[in-house]
């Protein structure tokens, strides 16, 4: 359970700086913004899956 909380905090700190820089970088370009968020979401899903796999390996 503790791992889940730590993962959420790590992901939050990864999302906030990237999303704010993307929004304030060029707010008029919504298509680019959508693409950036999709790429970010896919990257974070991959990172979280890899992290969970590593945590499971470490526990066994």
N, C-alpha and C. Protein backbone atom coordinates (compact mmCIF):
# COMPACT_ATOMS: atom_id res chain seq x y z
N UNK A 1 0.82 -1.19 0.00
CA UNK A 1 0.00 0.00 0.00
C UNK A 1 0.87 1.26 0.00
N UNK A 2 1.97 1.23 0.73
CA UNK A 2 2.85 2.39 0.78
C UNK A 2 3.43 2.70 -0.60
N UNK A 3 3.72 1.65 -1.35
CA UNK A 3 4.29 1.84 -2.69
C UNK A 3 3.32 2.62 -3.58
N UNK A 4 2.03 2.33 -3.45
CA UNK A 4 1.03 3.02 -4.25
C UNK A 4 1.02 4.52 -3.95
N UNK A 5 1.13 4.87 -2.69
CA UNK A 5 1.14 6.29 -2.31
C UNK A 5 2.38 6.98 -2.85
N UNK A 6 3.52 6.31 -2.72
CA UNK A 6 4.76 6.89 -3.22
C UNK A 6 4.72 7.05 -4.74
N UNK A 7 4.17 6.06 -5.43
CA UNK A 7 4.06 6.16 -6.89
C UNK A 7 3.19 7.34 -7.30
N UNK A 8 2.08 7.53 -6.61
CA UNK A 8 1.20 8.65 -6.94
C UNK A 8 1.90 9.98 -6.73
N UNK A 9 2.65 10.10 -5.65
CA UNK A 9 3.39 11.34 -5.39
C UNK A 9 4.44 11.59 -6.45
N UNK A 10 5.17 10.55 -6.81
CA UNK A 10 6.20 10.69 -7.85
C UNK A 10 5.57 11.12 -9.16
N UNK A 11 4.48 10.46 -9.55
CA UNK A 11 3.82 10.80 -10.80
C UNK A 11 3.26 12.22 -10.76
N UNK A 12 2.75 12.64 -9.62
CA UNK A 12 2.23 14.00 -9.49
C UNK A 12 3.34 15.02 -9.73
N UNK A 13 4.51 14.78 -9.13
CA UNK A 13 5.62 15.71 -9.31
C UNK A 13 6.20 15.65 -10.71
N UNK A 14 5.98 14.56 -11.42
CA UNK A 14 6.39 14.48 -12.82
C UNK A 14 5.41 15.23 -13.71
N UNK A 15 4.12 15.11 -13.41
CA UNK A 15 3.09 15.70 -14.26
C UNK A 15 3.04 17.22 -14.13
N UNK A 16 3.08 17.74 -12.92
CA UNK A 16 2.90 19.17 -12.71
C UNK A 16 3.87 20.05 -13.48
N UNK A 17 5.18 19.85 -13.39
CA UNK A 17 6.09 20.74 -14.12
C UNK A 17 5.93 20.64 -15.63
N UNK A 18 5.71 19.43 -16.12
CA UNK A 18 5.59 19.23 -17.57
C UNK A 18 4.30 19.85 -18.08
N UNK A 19 3.19 19.63 -17.38
CA UNK A 19 1.91 20.14 -17.85
C UNK A 19 1.86 21.67 -17.79
N UNK A 20 2.41 22.26 -16.74
CA UNK A 20 2.38 23.72 -16.65
C UNK A 20 3.28 24.36 -17.70
N UNK A 21 4.43 23.77 -17.97
CA UNK A 21 5.30 24.34 -19.00
C UNK A 21 4.67 24.18 -20.37
N UNK A 22 3.93 23.09 -20.58
CA UNK A 22 3.26 22.88 -21.86
C UNK A 22 2.14 23.89 -22.04
N UNK A 23 1.35 24.11 -20.99
CA UNK A 23 0.21 25.03 -21.07
C UNK A 23 0.69 26.46 -21.29
N UNK A 24 1.66 26.89 -20.52
CA UNK A 24 2.10 28.27 -20.63
C UNK A 24 3.06 28.50 -21.79
N UNK A 25 3.57 27.43 -22.36
CA UNK A 25 4.49 27.57 -23.48
C UNK A 25 3.80 28.13 -24.71
N UNK A 26 2.66 27.56 -25.10
CA UNK A 26 1.94 28.00 -26.28
C UNK A 26 0.46 27.61 -26.13
N UNK A 27 -0.33 28.40 -25.42
CA UNK A 27 -1.71 28.02 -25.13
C UNK A 27 -2.63 28.00 -26.34
N UNK A 28 -2.26 28.65 -27.43
CA UNK A 28 -3.15 28.69 -28.59
C UNK A 28 -3.08 27.42 -29.43
N UNK A 29 -2.04 26.64 -29.25
CA UNK A 29 -1.85 25.44 -30.07
C UNK A 29 -2.47 24.23 -29.37
N UNK A 30 -3.80 24.08 -29.48
CA UNK A 30 -4.49 23.02 -28.74
C UNK A 30 -4.18 21.63 -29.28
N UNK A 31 -3.96 21.50 -30.57
CA UNK A 31 -3.67 20.18 -31.13
C UNK A 31 -2.33 19.66 -30.62
N UNK A 32 -1.35 20.54 -30.58
CA UNK A 32 -0.05 20.17 -30.04
C UNK A 32 -0.16 19.83 -28.56
N UNK A 33 -1.01 20.56 -27.86
CA UNK A 33 -1.23 20.32 -26.43
C UNK A 33 -1.84 18.93 -26.22
N UNK A 34 -2.84 18.58 -27.02
CA UNK A 34 -3.47 17.26 -26.91
C UNK A 34 -2.44 16.16 -27.17
N UNK A 35 -1.63 16.36 -28.20
CA UNK A 35 -0.60 15.37 -28.53
C UNK A 35 0.40 15.24 -27.39
N UNK A 36 0.80 16.35 -26.82
CA UNK A 36 1.75 16.33 -25.71
C UNK A 36 1.18 15.58 -24.52
N UNK A 37 -0.08 15.81 -24.20
CA UNK A 37 -0.69 15.13 -23.06
C UNK A 37 -0.85 13.63 -23.33
N UNK A 38 -1.17 13.26 -24.57
CA UNK A 38 -1.27 11.84 -24.91
C UNK A 38 0.09 11.17 -24.76
N UNK A 39 1.14 11.82 -25.27
CA UNK A 39 2.48 11.26 -25.15
C UNK A 39 2.89 11.16 -23.68
N UNK A 40 2.57 12.18 -22.91
CA UNK A 40 2.89 12.18 -21.48
C UNK A 40 2.15 11.05 -20.77
N UNK A 41 0.88 10.89 -21.10
CA UNK A 41 0.09 9.83 -20.48
C UNK A 41 0.68 8.46 -20.80
N UNK A 42 1.04 8.25 -22.06
CA UNK A 42 1.63 6.97 -22.45
C UNK A 42 2.96 6.74 -21.75
N UNK A 43 3.78 7.77 -21.66
CA UNK A 43 5.07 7.65 -20.98
C UNK A 43 4.87 7.31 -19.51
N UNK A 44 3.94 7.99 -18.85
CA UNK A 44 3.70 7.75 -17.43
C UNK A 44 3.14 6.35 -17.17
N UNK A 45 2.28 5.88 -18.09
CA UNK A 45 1.77 4.51 -17.94
C UNK A 45 2.91 3.51 -18.04
N UNK A 46 3.81 3.75 -18.99
CA UNK A 46 4.97 2.86 -19.14
C UNK A 46 5.88 2.90 -17.93
N UNK A 47 6.12 4.10 -17.42
CA UNK A 47 6.97 4.25 -16.23
C UNK A 47 6.34 3.56 -15.03
N UNK A 48 5.04 3.76 -14.84
CA UNK A 48 4.40 3.16 -13.67
C UNK A 48 4.38 1.64 -13.77
N UNK A 49 4.18 1.10 -14.98
CA UNK A 49 4.21 -0.36 -15.15
C UNK A 49 5.60 -0.91 -14.84
N UNK A 50 6.63 -0.24 -15.34
CA UNK A 50 8.00 -0.69 -15.09
C UNK A 50 8.33 -0.59 -13.60
N UNK A 51 7.89 0.49 -12.96
CA UNK A 51 8.15 0.67 -11.53
C UNK A 51 7.45 -0.42 -10.72
N UNK A 52 6.20 -0.71 -11.06
CA UNK A 52 5.49 -1.77 -10.35
C UNK A 52 6.16 -3.12 -10.54
N UNK A 53 6.62 -3.39 -11.76
CA UNK A 53 7.33 -4.65 -12.02
C UNK A 53 8.60 -4.73 -11.17
N UNK A 54 9.34 -3.64 -11.10
CA UNK A 54 10.56 -3.63 -10.29
C UNK A 54 10.25 -3.84 -8.81
N UNK A 55 9.18 -3.20 -8.33
CA UNK A 55 8.80 -3.37 -6.93
C UNK A 55 8.38 -4.80 -6.63
N UNK A 56 7.66 -5.42 -7.57
CA UNK A 56 7.25 -6.82 -7.38
C UNK A 56 8.46 -7.74 -7.36
N UNK A 57 9.42 -7.49 -8.24
CA UNK A 57 10.64 -8.31 -8.27
C UNK A 57 11.41 -8.15 -6.96
N UNK A 58 11.43 -6.96 -6.45
CA UNK A 58 12.18 -6.67 -5.22
C UNK A 58 11.54 -7.35 -4.01
N UNK A 59 10.20 -7.44 -4.00
CA UNK A 59 9.50 -8.06 -2.88
C UNK A 59 9.71 -9.57 -2.83
N UNK A 60 9.90 -10.19 -3.98
CA UNK A 60 10.04 -11.66 -4.00
C UNK A 60 11.45 -12.10 -3.75
